[in-house]
């Protein structure tokens, strides 16, 4: 009886954790994309001297 209750509880906690994890991941991805579009995050590519000489 106790093992069945623990198994059901474990499944519930695992599913809840997966749902919260996926939701958090999607929310963070949307937030980063939003910040990049607004210009709050800028991505600079640093080139080395050899690449600059070739251009």
N, C-alpha and C. Protein backbone atom coordinates (compact mmCIF):
# COMPACT_ATOMS: atom_id res chain seq x y z
N UNK A 1 0.83 -1.19 0.00
CA UNK A 1 0.00 0.00 0.00
C UNK A 1 0.88 1.26 0.00
N UNK A 2 1.87 1.29 0.87
CA UNK A 2 2.76 2.45 0.94
C UNK A 2 3.55 2.61 -0.35
N UNK A 3 3.97 1.49 -0.92
CA UNK A 3 4.74 1.55 -2.17
C UNK A 3 3.89 2.12 -3.30
N UNK A 4 2.61 1.78 -3.35
CA UNK A 4 1.72 2.30 -4.39
C UNK A 4 1.51 3.80 -4.23
N UNK A 5 1.38 4.24 -2.99
CA UNK A 5 1.21 5.68 -2.73
C UNK A 5 2.47 6.44 -3.12
N UNK A 6 3.63 5.90 -2.76
CA UNK A 6 4.89 6.55 -3.11
C UNK A 6 5.11 6.58 -4.61
N UNK A 7 4.72 5.52 -5.30
CA UNK A 7 4.87 5.47 -6.75
C UNK A 7 3.99 6.53 -7.40
N UNK A 8 2.74 6.65 -6.96
CA UNK A 8 1.83 7.65 -7.51
C UNK A 8 2.34 9.06 -7.21
N UNK A 9 2.83 9.27 -6.00
CA UNK A 9 3.36 10.57 -5.62
C UNK A 9 4.59 10.92 -6.45
N UNK A 10 5.46 9.94 -6.66
CA UNK A 10 6.66 10.16 -7.45
C UNK A 10 6.29 10.53 -8.89
N UNK A 11 5.34 9.85 -9.48
CA UNK A 11 4.91 10.16 -10.85
C UNK A 11 4.33 11.57 -10.92
N UNK A 12 3.54 11.93 -9.91
CA UNK A 12 2.94 13.27 -9.89
C UNK A 12 4.02 14.34 -9.80
N UNK A 13 4.99 14.17 -8.90
CA UNK A 13 6.06 15.15 -8.73
C UNK A 13 6.92 15.21 -9.99
N UNK A 14 7.18 14.09 -10.60
CA UNK A 14 7.98 14.06 -11.81
C UNK A 14 7.28 14.79 -12.94
N UNK A 15 6.00 14.54 -13.14
CA UNK A 15 5.25 15.23 -14.19
C UNK A 15 5.17 16.73 -13.91
N UNK A 16 4.94 17.09 -12.68
CA UNK A 16 4.87 18.50 -12.31
C UNK A 16 6.21 19.19 -12.57
N UNK A 17 7.28 18.53 -12.25
CA UNK A 17 8.61 19.08 -12.50
C UNK A 17 8.90 19.25 -13.98
N UNK A 18 8.49 18.28 -14.77
CA UNK A 18 8.68 18.38 -16.22
C UNK A 18 7.87 19.53 -16.79
N UNK A 19 6.64 19.67 -16.34
CA UNK A 19 5.78 20.76 -16.83
C UNK A 19 6.38 22.11 -16.46
N UNK A 20 6.79 22.29 -15.19
CA UNK A 20 7.41 23.55 -14.78
C UNK A 20 8.72 23.79 -15.53
N UNK A 21 9.51 22.76 -15.73
CA UNK A 21 10.78 22.91 -16.43
C UNK A 21 10.60 23.35 -17.87
N UNK A 22 9.69 22.71 -18.57
CA UNK A 22 9.43 23.09 -19.96
C UNK A 22 8.85 24.49 -20.06
N UNK A 23 7.94 24.82 -19.16
CA UNK A 23 7.36 26.16 -19.16
C UNK A 23 8.43 27.22 -18.91
N UNK A 24 9.32 26.96 -17.95
CA UNK A 24 10.39 27.90 -17.65
C UNK A 24 11.33 28.04 -18.84
N UNK A 25 11.65 26.95 -19.50
CA UNK A 25 12.55 26.98 -20.65
C UNK A 25 11.95 27.81 -21.78
N UNK A 26 10.67 27.60 -22.08
CA UNK A 26 10.01 28.36 -23.14
C UNK A 26 9.93 29.84 -22.77
N UNK A 27 9.60 30.14 -21.52
CA UNK A 27 9.51 31.53 -21.09
C UNK A 27 10.86 32.24 -21.20
N UNK A 28 11.93 31.58 -20.81
CA UNK A 28 13.26 32.18 -20.90
C UNK A 28 13.67 32.39 -22.36
N UNK A 29 13.35 31.45 -23.22
CA UNK A 29 13.67 31.58 -24.64
C UNK A 29 12.93 32.77 -25.24
N UNK A 30 11.65 32.91 -24.93
CA UNK A 30 10.86 34.03 -25.43
C UNK A 30 11.42 35.34 -24.90
N UNK A 31 11.81 35.37 -23.63
CA UNK A 31 12.37 36.59 -23.03
C UNK A 31 13.67 36.99 -23.71
N UNK A 32 14.55 36.04 -23.98
CA UNK A 32 15.83 36.35 -24.64
C UNK A 32 15.59 36.86 -26.05
N UNK A 33 14.68 36.24 -26.80
CA UNK A 33 14.37 36.70 -28.15
C UNK A 33 13.79 38.11 -28.10
N UNK A 34 12.92 38.37 -27.14
CA UNK A 34 12.33 39.71 -26.97
C UNK A 34 13.42 40.73 -26.68
N UNK A 35 14.37 40.40 -25.82
CA UNK A 35 15.45 41.32 -25.48
C UNK A 35 16.36 41.57 -26.68
N UNK A 36 16.62 40.55 -27.48
CA UNK A 36 17.46 40.73 -28.68
C UNK A 36 16.75 41.64 -29.67
N UNK A 37 15.45 41.47 -29.85
CA UNK A 37 14.69 42.31 -30.79
C UNK A 37 14.68 43.77 -30.32
N UNK A 38 14.51 44.00 -29.02
CA UNK A 38 14.49 45.37 -28.49
C UNK A 38 15.87 46.01 -28.48
N UNK A 39 16.91 45.21 -28.58
CA UNK A 39 18.26 45.75 -28.59
C UNK A 39 18.92 45.76 -27.22
N UNK A 40 18.29 45.16 -26.24
CA UNK A 40 18.89 45.10 -24.90
C UNK A 40 20.10 44.16 -24.88
N UNK A 41 20.09 43.16 -25.75
CA UNK A 41 21.21 42.22 -25.86
C UNK A 41 21.78 42.37 -27.27
N UNK A 42 23.07 42.68 -27.33
CA UNK A 42 23.72 42.82 -28.63
C UNK A 42 24.76 41.73 -28.76
N UNK A 43 24.83 41.13 -29.92
CA UNK A 43 25.78 40.06 -30.18
C UNK A 43 26.87 40.62 -31.09
N UNK A 44 28.07 40.69 -30.58
CA UNK A 44 29.21 41.19 -31.36
C UNK A 44 30.10 40.02 -31.73
N UNK A 45 30.49 39.96 -32.99
CA UNK A 45 31.41 38.93 -33.44
C UNK A 45 32.80 39.54 -33.48
N UNK A 46 33.73 38.98 -32.72
CA UNK A 46 35.09 39.48 -32.66
C UNK A 46 35.93 38.64 -33.63
N UNK A 47 36.51 39.31 -34.58
CA UNK A 47 37.32 38.61 -35.58
C UNK A 47 38.80 38.80 -35.23
N UNK A 48 39.59 37.84 -35.61
CA UNK A 48 41.02 37.98 -35.35
C UNK A 48 41.71 38.73 -36.49
N UNK A 49 42.97 39.03 -36.33
CA UNK A 49 43.69 39.88 -37.29
C UNK A 49 43.79 39.24 -38.68
N UNK A 50 43.91 37.93 -38.76
CA UNK A 50 44.04 37.25 -40.05
C UNK A 50 42.77 37.43 -40.87
N UNK A 51 41.63 37.30 -40.25
CA UNK A 51 40.37 37.47 -40.97
C UNK A 51 40.18 38.92 -41.41
N UNK A 52 40.67 39.86 -40.62
CA UNK A 52 40.55 41.28 -41.01
C UNK A 52 41.44 41.58 -42.21
N UNK A 53 42.63 40.98 -42.28
CA UNK A 53 43.56 41.23 -43.41
C UNK A 53 43.03 40.64 -44.70
N UNK A 54 42.29 39.54 -44.64
CA UNK A 54 41.77 38.90 -45.84
C UNK A 54 40.64 39.70 -46.48
N UNK A 55 39.99 40.54 -45.72
CA UNK A 55 38.84 41.29 -46.26
C UNK A 55 39.22 42.60 -46.83
